[in-house]
Structure formats: structure tokens, C-alpha cells
């Protein structure tokens, strides 16, 4: 309460201080995520004039928070300490706790975790979301947990957010879905292996595409090694998954145009683990894929959904209707969009 009282006083007496603080915090965070980076690149990323960036950089350099080399700007150890120390203060400024409670009540889910900012504008927001989701995973792991994780850039950030081995015993990480797309680093298998490496636990991989035709799928499922992994996947009790927009995921999965037109006609707005949903949470289409099914999703005791950016707001609303015991990790932009429009 003391910190909040100070912030309230500052907002009334010297509101410009908070604006300057947030601007410099944003500069430090962006340098941290993209270092080494030049002034022009930073100015373009933040949408701030180079002259202003030069002034701010000179000040931060004089304070020993950044160093400038021929390669670009990087944070010093003191700079890293500053952004870590400021995080809670920034959360307070944005009223994050209030937003979390309001969104939790709106969506009627078990728990909501929000990070400040807009994923669409700042790359460090994704890093923060990954760290918050990783903390949620670590808080919910128990002995003998089987963790399922989907693919995608957001899940890459979640895996990287894990910074210490689990203290629990007999933990297994498995991909919740088969492979999709051509970016190996965003495949569920790759993310599974990275998460297990960081948790220092065992893992299993699913060497099968998530976009196989019906005949090929039936053939693959007869493979003893595939069966072994799919049996483990059916026992997942902690699921971490990304929430996708229906249109973007249909494009990524390279669905035929008639199917895409059908999804538009049926007003599908969200996708998760191969299922497409309307804003009301109604399933309007699903792919025959390998991995977690909707029935599996319904019985899993702990599910953590992660998505950010105001363009994901409607998708988040839809998926939140599917499981009220869900833990949602999102960003400020998506939260405000949901509260204002839905």
C-alpha cells in the first residue's frame, strides 16, 4: 500500500515523472531484448525521433546503465539490475492487479496474469509473458506431472522463461500436438526438448506432422513408437497452450480455401489444438490431428493459456468459455480490449 500511495501522489503532483520513467524503462527493455542495437534501429522500433533517442541514450550511458560500441548499444549489469528492480513498480503504475481482478471476473476463469504493454509493439512483452507463464508452470508442477506444450512463438518464450530446474520428481514433458509449419524452432518437439532441458527432466518427442491426411494419419498412428508417445500425451495433467486467431491459424495450417470460407461463414474467431471456435466457444470445425483432443482438454486438471496483443482479444474470450479452471496469461493491451469491447 505504501508504494501505491506514493504512485498516487506522484500521479497528482508530478505526473510527468511517471511518463519519463516509463519511457526510459521501455528504452532499456528494448535494448535488452535486441542488443546490440543501433540508435536508428531503436528509434524506428519505438517510433521516437533519433534526436530524442540520442539524448536519452547519452543520459543512460552517463548513469552506467548502457554501453555503446561499434556493434551497437547493450545493457550493463547495472542496467539489467535496474529493469528487474523496476518491474513491480511499472506493474503498480499500470494498475495491473486491478486489471487482473477485473478480467478474471469478466471471463470467469480461475486466474488471470497480465503483463504491462502491448505484444504487437514491444518484443519484451512476449519475454515477460513467457516468464509469467513459466512461473505458473513451476507453481503447478507436482511429482509425476506430465506436461504437454503446443508449438508457436509464444510457447518458445514460455520455455525460455524457465530459469531453474524443477524440484519435483519424475516429471515428463511431451508435445501436445504434432508438427506444424516450417520453422523448426517453433515446433512443439523443439520447445518440448528445450523446456525439459531447463527443468532438467525427461521428455518424449512426437515425430509426426499435425497436418496429415486421414489415410496417412491412420497409418502413422499404428507405429509402435508413435503409439507410445500418444499414450503418454493422453495422460497429460498440465497443459500449456497458445491461443490463436482462427484466420491466422487456418492460413498457417494451409487449409483449403473452401474450408477457410466455411470458417469465415461460421464466424470462427479462435483456434486451439486443431479446433476452431466461435466467440461463444462453440466448436465449428476440427482437424483430424495427432495429440491433445478437445475431450482430453476438458479432463486435464491444470491448463495454462497464453496469448497477447489486442488482435487476440476475441480469440481469448472464445477460449476462456471452454474451461473455467483455466489460468490465462496475457498482456495489458489484450486485457483492455476485452474489457472495453466484450
Protein backbone atom coordinates (compact mmCIF):
# COMPACT_ATOMS: atom_id res chain seq x y z
CA UNK A 1 0.00 0.00 0.00
CA UNK A 2 2.88 2.38 0.74
CA UNK A 3 4.20 2.05 -2.83
CA UNK A 4 0.71 2.54 -4.28
CA UNK A 5 0.17 5.66 -2.13
CA UNK A 6 3.45 7.12 -3.42
CA UNK A 7 2.44 6.38 -7.02
CA UNK A 8 -0.97 8.02 -6.48
CA UNK A 9 0.73 11.14 -5.09
CA UNK A 10 3.17 11.25 -7.97
CA UNK A 11 0.34 11.00 -10.49
CA UNK A 12 -1.31 14.05 -8.93
CA UNK A 13 1.76 16.22 -8.27
CA UNK A 14 4.40 15.24 -10.85
CA UNK A 15 2.69 13.04 -13.47
CA UNK A 16 5.48 13.83 -15.95
CA UNK A 17 7.92 11.85 -13.79
CA UNK A 18 5.99 8.63 -14.41
CA UNK A 19 5.90 9.33 -18.15
CA UNK A 20 9.67 9.83 -18.27
CA UNK A 21 10.24 6.75 -16.10
CA UNK A 22 8.13 4.54 -18.40
CA UNK A 23 9.87 5.90 -21.50
CA UNK A 24 13.34 5.15 -20.13
CA UNK A 25 12.23 1.76 -18.84
CA UNK A 26 10.92 0.97 -22.32
CA UNK A 27 14.21 2.05 -23.89
CA UNK A 28 16.19 -0.16 -21.51
CA UNK A 29 13.91 -3.15 -22.06
CA UNK A 30 14.09 -2.84 -25.84
CA UNK A 31 17.87 -2.54 -25.77
CA UNK A 32 17.97 -5.61 -23.54
CA UNK A 33 15.87 -7.70 -25.94
CA UNK A 34 17.58 -6.59 -29.15
CA UNK A 35 21.17 -5.89 -28.05
CA UNK A 36 23.41 -4.92 -29.61
CA UNK A 37 21.20 -2.41 -31.40
CA UNK A 38 21.97 0.91 -33.06
CA UNK A 39 20.26 4.21 -32.27
CA UNK A 40 18.42 4.31 -35.58
CA UNK A 41 17.09 0.78 -35.14
CA UNK A 42 15.92 1.61 -31.62
CA UNK A 43 14.30 4.87 -32.77
CA UNK A 44 12.41 3.01 -35.52
CA UNK A 45 11.30 0.28 -33.12
CA UNK A 46 9.98 2.74 -30.53
CA UNK A 47 8.63 5.29 -33.02
CA UNK A 48 10.71 8.03 -31.39
CA UNK A 49 12.91 10.58 -33.18
CA UNK A 50 16.64 9.87 -33.34
CA UNK A 51 17.41 13.17 -31.63
CA UNK A 52 15.31 12.19 -28.60
CA UNK A 53 16.88 8.72 -28.55
CA UNK A 54 20.35 10.26 -28.67
CA UNK A 55 19.55 12.46 -25.65
CA UNK A 56 18.10 9.58 -23.66
CA UNK A 57 20.94 7.23 -24.58
CA UNK A 58 23.55 9.79 -23.51
CA UNK A 59 21.83 10.10 -20.13
CA UNK A 60 21.51 6.35 -19.61
CA UNK A 61 25.13 5.88 -20.64
CA UNK A 62 26.29 8.54 -18.16
CA UNK A 63 24.43 6.63 -15.44
CA UNK A 64 26.33 3.45 -16.32
CA UNK A 65 23.20 1.60 -17.45
CA UNK A 66 24.17 1.04 -21.08
CA UNK A 67 27.39 0.80 -23.05
CA UNK A 68 27.85 1.82 -26.67
CA UNK A 69 30.23 0.03 -29.01
CA UNK A 70 30.68 -0.13 -32.77
CA UNK A 71 28.23 -3.04 -32.81
CA UNK A 72 25.54 -1.01 -31.05
CA UNK A 73 24.07 -0.46 -27.58
CA UNK A 74 23.94 -3.08 -24.84
CA UNK A 75 22.89 -3.11 -21.20
CA UNK A 76 25.46 -3.20 -18.42
CA UNK A 77 24.93 -5.43 -15.38
CA UNK A 78 23.66 -2.36 -13.52
CA UNK A 79 21.19 -1.73 -16.37
CA UNK A 80 19.87 -5.28 -16.12
CA UNK A 81 19.52 -4.87 -12.36
CA UNK A 82 17.54 -1.65 -12.87
CA UNK A 83 14.96 -3.16 -15.26
CA UNK A 84 14.46 -6.16 -12.96
CA UNK A 85 14.04 -3.89 -9.93
CA UNK A 86 11.62 -1.57 -11.73
CA UNK A 87 9.25 -4.28 -12.93
CA UNK A 88 7.00 -4.33 -9.86
CA UNK A 89 6.86 -0.52 -9.86
CA UNK A 90 5.79 -0.49 -13.52
CA UNK A 91 3.09 -3.07 -12.72
CA UNK A 92 1.80 -0.78 -9.97
CA UNK A 93 1.76 2.27 -12.26
CA UNK A 94 -0.38 0.41 -14.77
CA UNK A 95 -2.75 -0.91 -12.09
CA UNK A 96 -2.09 -4.47 -13.19
CA UNK A 97 -3.57 -6.13 -10.10
CA UNK A 98 -6.81 -4.23 -10.61
CA UNK A 99 -6.88 -5.23 -14.29
CA UNK A 100 -6.25 -8.88 -13.39
CA UNK A 101 -9.17 -8.99 -10.97
CA UNK A 102 -11.48 -7.20 -13.39
CA UNK A 103 -10.59 -9.51 -16.31
CA UNK A 104 -10.84 -12.61 -14.13
CA UNK A 105 -14.37 -11.59 -13.16
CA UNK A 106 -15.25 -10.77 -16.77
CA UNK A 107 -14.03 -14.08 -18.20
CA UNK A 108 -14.94 -16.16 -15.13
CA UNK A 109 -11.69 -18.15 -15.24
CA UNK A 110 -9.61 -19.47 -12.35
CA UNK A 111 -6.74 -16.99 -12.60
CA UNK A 112 -5.50 -14.16 -14.82
CA UNK A 113 -1.91 -12.93 -15.07
CA UNK A 114 -1.27 -9.73 -17.03
CA UNK A 115 2.00 -8.10 -18.07
CA UNK A 116 2.15 -4.37 -18.94
CA UNK A 117 2.38 -3.25 -22.55
CA UNK A 118 1.33 -4.42 -25.99
CA UNK A 119 2.88 -7.52 -27.55
CA UNK A 120 2.32 -6.05 -31.02
CA UNK A 121 4.51 -3.05 -30.21
CA UNK A 122 7.26 -4.26 -27.89
CA UNK A 123 9.18 -7.56 -28.07
CA UNK A 124 9.94 -7.51 -24.34
CA UNK A 125 6.23 -8.01 -23.60
CA UNK A 126 6.50 -11.53 -25.04
CA UNK A 127 9.54 -12.19 -22.85
CA UNK A 128 7.58 -11.06 -19.77
CA UNK A 129 4.60 -13.21 -20.73
CA UNK A 130 6.93 -16.18 -21.10
CA UNK A 131 8.38 -15.58 -17.65
CA UNK A 132 4.94 -15.23 -16.03
CA UNK A 133 3.68 -18.40 -17.75
CA UNK A 134 6.86 -20.22 -16.69
CA UNK A 135 6.22 -19.18 -13.08
CA UNK A 136 2.67 -20.54 -13.37
CA UNK A 137 4.07 -23.84 -14.65
CA UNK A 138 6.59 -24.06 -11.83
CA UNK A 139 3.85 -23.29 -9.27
CA UNK A 140 1.62 -26.09 -10.57
CA UNK A 141 4.15 -28.87 -11.15
CA UNK A 142 3.83 -31.82 -8.78
CA UNK A 143 5.66 -35.14 -8.53
CA UNK A 144 4.83 -37.33 -11.55
CA UNK A 145 3.43 -34.42 -13.57
CA UNK A 146 3.17 -34.89 -17.34
CA UNK A 147 3.41 -31.51 -19.02
CA UNK A 148 2.02 -31.03 -22.52
CA UNK A 149 3.03 -27.99 -24.58
CA UNK A 150 1.93 -26.81 -28.01
CA UNK A 151 4.08 -25.05 -30.63
CA UNK A 152 4.41 -21.43 -31.72
CA UNK A 153 6.45 -18.34 -30.93
CA UNK A 154 4.64 -17.68 -27.66
CA UNK A 155 5.48 -21.17 -26.39
CA UNK A 156 9.14 -20.58 -27.32
CA UNK A 157 9.07 -17.62 -24.91
CA UNK A 158 7.42 -19.78 -22.23
CA UNK A 159 10.18 -22.41 -22.45
CA UNK A 160 12.85 -19.70 -22.28
CA UNK A 161 11.10 -18.23 -19.25
CA UNK A 162 12.02 -21.27 -17.16
CA UNK A 163 15.23 -20.36 -15.36
CA UNK A 164 15.73 -23.14 -12.81
CA UNK A 165 15.30 -26.93 -12.59
CA UNK A 166 12.16 -28.30 -11.01
CA UNK A 167 12.39 -29.70 -7.50
CA UNK A 168 9.67 -32.25 -8.26
CA UNK A 169 10.39 -35.87 -9.19
CA UNK A 170 9.54 -37.95 -12.25
CA UNK A 171 8.45 -35.06 -14.50
CA UNK A 172 7.90 -35.66 -18.22
CA UNK A 173 7.38 -33.04 -20.94
CA UNK A 174 5.63 -34.01 -24.18
CA UNK A 175 4.46 -32.12 -27.28
CA UNK A 176 0.70 -31.67 -27.11
CA UNK A 177 0.43 -31.67 -30.90
CA UNK A 178 2.27 -32.93 -33.95
CA UNK A 179 4.48 -30.64 -36.02
CA UNK A 180 3.09 -27.70 -38.00
CA UNK A 181 4.74 -25.15 -40.27
CA UNK A 182 8.32 -24.96 -41.48
CA UNK A 183 10.01 -23.09 -38.61
CA UNK A 184 11.79 -25.79 -36.64
CA UNK A 185 12.43 -23.55 -33.62
CA UNK A 186 8.67 -23.07 -33.17
CA UNK A 187 7.78 -26.77 -33.44
CA UNK A 188 6.26 -28.40 -30.35
CA UNK A 189 9.05 -31.02 -30.36
CA UNK A 190 11.78 -28.37 -30.21
CA UNK A 191 10.02 -26.47 -27.44
CA UNK A 192 9.44 -29.71 -25.51
CA UNK A 193 13.13 -30.56 -25.57
CA UNK A 194 14.13 -27.03 -24.51
CA UNK A 195 11.65 -26.95 -21.63
CA UNK A 196 12.80 -30.36 -20.39
CA UNK A 197 16.45 -29.23 -20.61
CA UNK A 198 15.69 -26.21 -18.46
CA UNK A 199 13.57 -28.17 -15.97
CA UNK A 200 16.16 -30.97 -16.01
CA UNK A 201 13.54 -33.66 -16.51
CA UNK A 202 12.71 -36.36 -19.05
CA UNK A 203 10.79 -35.84 -22.28
CA UNK A 204 9.28 -37.66 -25.23
CA UNK A 205 9.00 -36.40 -28.81
CA UNK A 206 6.24 -36.91 -31.35
CA UNK A 207 7.76 -37.42 -34.79
CA UNK A 208 4.64 -36.81 -36.85
CA UNK A 209 3.09 -33.91 -38.73
CA UNK A 210 -0.08 -32.29 -37.43
CA UNK A 211 -1.38 -31.80 -40.97
CA UNK A 212 -1.53 -35.38 -42.29
CA UNK A 213 -4.40 -36.61 -44.43
CA UNK A 214 -6.82 -39.17 -42.97
CA UNK A 215 -5.17 -42.22 -44.56
CA UNK A 216 -1.67 -41.15 -43.63
CA UNK A 217 -2.81 -40.32 -40.10
CA UNK A 218 -4.34 -43.78 -39.58
CA UNK A 219 -1.13 -45.39 -40.83
CA UNK A 220 1.13 -43.26 -38.60
CA UNK A 221 -0.96 -43.99 -35.50
CA UNK A 222 -0.22 -47.72 -35.91
CA UNK A 223 3.50 -47.11 -35.45
CA UNK A 224 4.54 -48.52 -32.01
CA UNK A 225 6.78 -45.52 -31.19
CA UNK A 226 4.04 -43.04 -32.10
CA UNK A 227 1.53 -45.05 -30.05
CA UNK A 228 3.86 -44.97 -27.05
CA UNK A 229 4.07 -41.17 -27.15
CA UNK A 230 0.36 -40.60 -27.87
CA UNK A 231 -0.49 -42.78 -24.85
CA UNK A 232 1.66 -40.51 -22.67
CA UNK A 233 0.05 -37.42 -24.23
CA UNK A 234 -3.37 -38.79 -23.23
CA UNK A 235 -2.11 -38.73 -19.62
CA UNK A 236 -1.08 -35.05 -19.62
CA UNK A 237 -2.23 -33.33 -16.43
CA UNK A 238 -0.65 -29.89 -17.01
CA UNK A 239 -1.25 -28.35 -20.43
CA UNK A 240 0.36 -25.14 -21.70
CA UNK A 241 -1.04 -23.87 -24.98
CA UNK A 242 -1.15 -20.82 -27.22
CA UNK A 243 -4.42 -19.24 -28.29
CA UNK A 244 -4.58 -18.45 -31.98
CA UNK A 245 -6.86 -16.42 -34.20
CA UNK A 246 -8.90 -18.67 -36.48
CA UNK A 247 -7.96 -16.82 -39.68
CA UNK A 248 -4.22 -16.76 -38.96
CA UNK A 249 -4.08 -20.40 -37.89
CA UNK A 250 -6.09 -21.56 -40.90
CA UNK A 251 -3.51 -19.79 -43.06
CA UNK A 252 -0.61 -21.29 -41.12
CA UNK A 253 -2.09 -24.78 -41.41
CA UNK A 254 -2.60 -24.17 -45.14
CA UNK A 255 -6.27 -25.19 -45.05
CA UNK A 256 -8.09 -25.38 -48.41
CA UNK A 257 -9.93 -22.21 -49.47
CA UNK A 258 -13.39 -23.85 -49.14
CA UNK A 259 -12.59 -24.65 -45.50
CA UNK A 260 -11.33 -21.13 -44.85
CA UNK A 261 -14.52 -19.71 -46.40
CA UNK A 262 -16.56 -22.07 -44.24
CA UNK A 263 -14.78 -20.88 -41.09
CA UNK A 264 -15.50 -17.27 -42.02
CA UNK A 265 -19.13 -18.09 -42.69
CA UNK A 266 -19.47 -19.83 -39.33
CA UNK A 267 -17.77 -16.86 -37.61
CA UNK A 268 -14.86 -18.83 -36.19
CA UNK A 269 -12.61 -16.46 -34.22
CA UNK A 270 -10.24 -18.74 -32.29
CA UNK A 271 -8.12 -21.86 -32.70
CA UNK A 272 -6.50 -24.14 -30.16
CA UNK A 273 -5.04 -27.65 -30.62
CA UNK A 274 -6.65 -28.05 -34.06
CA UNK A 275 -10.16 -26.94 -33.08
CA UNK A 276 -11.87 -23.78 -34.31
CA UNK A 277 -14.31 -21.89 -32.09
CA UNK A 278 -16.85 -19.07 -32.33
CA UNK A 279 -16.78 -16.21 -29.82
CA UNK A 280 -19.36 -18.17 -27.78
CA UNK A 281 -16.96 -21.13 -27.53
CA UNK A 282 -18.83 -23.36 -29.97
CA UNK A 283 -16.69 -25.80 -31.99
CA UNK A 284 -17.39 -25.26 -35.70
CA UNK A 285 -14.51 -27.22 -37.22
CA UNK A 286 -11.74 -29.57 -36.13
CA UNK A 287 -8.88 -31.23 -37.91
CA UNK A 288 -8.01 -34.91 -37.65
CA UNK A 289 -4.66 -34.45 -35.97
CA UNK A 290 -2.27 -36.17 -33.59
CA UNK A 291 -2.16 -35.15 -29.95
CA UNK A 292 -4.47 -33.50 -27.45
CA UNK A 293 -8.16 -33.69 -28.36
CA UNK A 294 -10.93 -31.49 -27.04
CA UNK A 295 -12.08 -34.31 -24.75
CA UNK A 296 -8.55 -34.54 -23.36
CA UNK A 297 -8.56 -30.77 -22.84
CA UNK A 298 -11.79 -30.96 -20.86
CA UNK A 299 -10.43 -33.56 -18.41
CA UNK A 300 -6.93 -32.05 -17.85
CA UNK A 301 -6.76 -30.65 -14.33
CA UNK A 302 -4.45 -27.68 -14.97
CA UNK A 303 -4.42 -25.69 -18.22
CA UNK A 304 -2.45 -22.51 -18.87
CA UNK A 305 -3.48 -20.48 -21.93
CA UNK A 306 -1.08 -17.82 -23.18
CA UNK A 307 -1.81 -15.07 -25.73
CA UNK A 308 -1.23 -11.34 -26.06
CA UNK A 309 -1.96 -8.36 -28.28
CA UNK A 310 -5.34 -6.69 -28.71
CA UNK A 311 -5.83 -8.56 -32.01
CA UNK A 312 -6.11 -11.75 -29.92
CA UNK A 313 -8.83 -10.33 -27.64
CA UNK A 314 -11.79 -12.05 -29.32
CA UNK A 315 -9.91 -15.36 -29.52
CA UNK A 316 -9.10 -15.16 -25.81
CA UNK A 317 -12.77 -14.51 -24.99
CA UNK A 318 -13.79 -17.57 -27.02
CA UNK A 319 -11.26 -19.99 -25.50
CA UNK A 320 -11.99 -18.72 -21.97
CA UNK A 321 -15.52 -20.09 -22.34
CA UNK A 322 -14.18 -23.62 -22.84
CA UNK A 323 -12.69 -24.19 -19.40
CA UNK A 324 -13.40 -22.09 -16.35
CA UNK A 325 -10.49 -23.62 -14.42
CA UNK A 326 -8.01 -22.11 -16.91
CA UNK A 327 -5.09 -19.92 -15.93
CA UNK A 328 -4.78 -17.12 -18.51
CA UNK A 329 -1.54 -15.25 -19.18
CA UNK A 330 -1.96 -12.19 -21.39
CA UNK A 331 -0.83 -8.59 -21.84
CA UNK A 332 -2.31 -5.23 -20.93
CA UNK A 333 -3.39 -4.42 -24.50
CA UNK A 334 -5.49 -7.59 -24.83
CA UNK A 335 -6.95 -7.15 -21.34
CA UNK A 336 -8.07 -3.56 -22.00
CA UNK A 337 -9.50 -4.54 -25.40
CA UNK A 338 -11.56 -7.34 -23.83
CA UNK A 339 -12.84 -5.16 -21.01
CA UNK A 340 -13.81 -2.34 -23.37
CA UNK A 341 -15.34 -4.31 -26.25
CA UNK A 342 -16.51 -7.68 -24.99
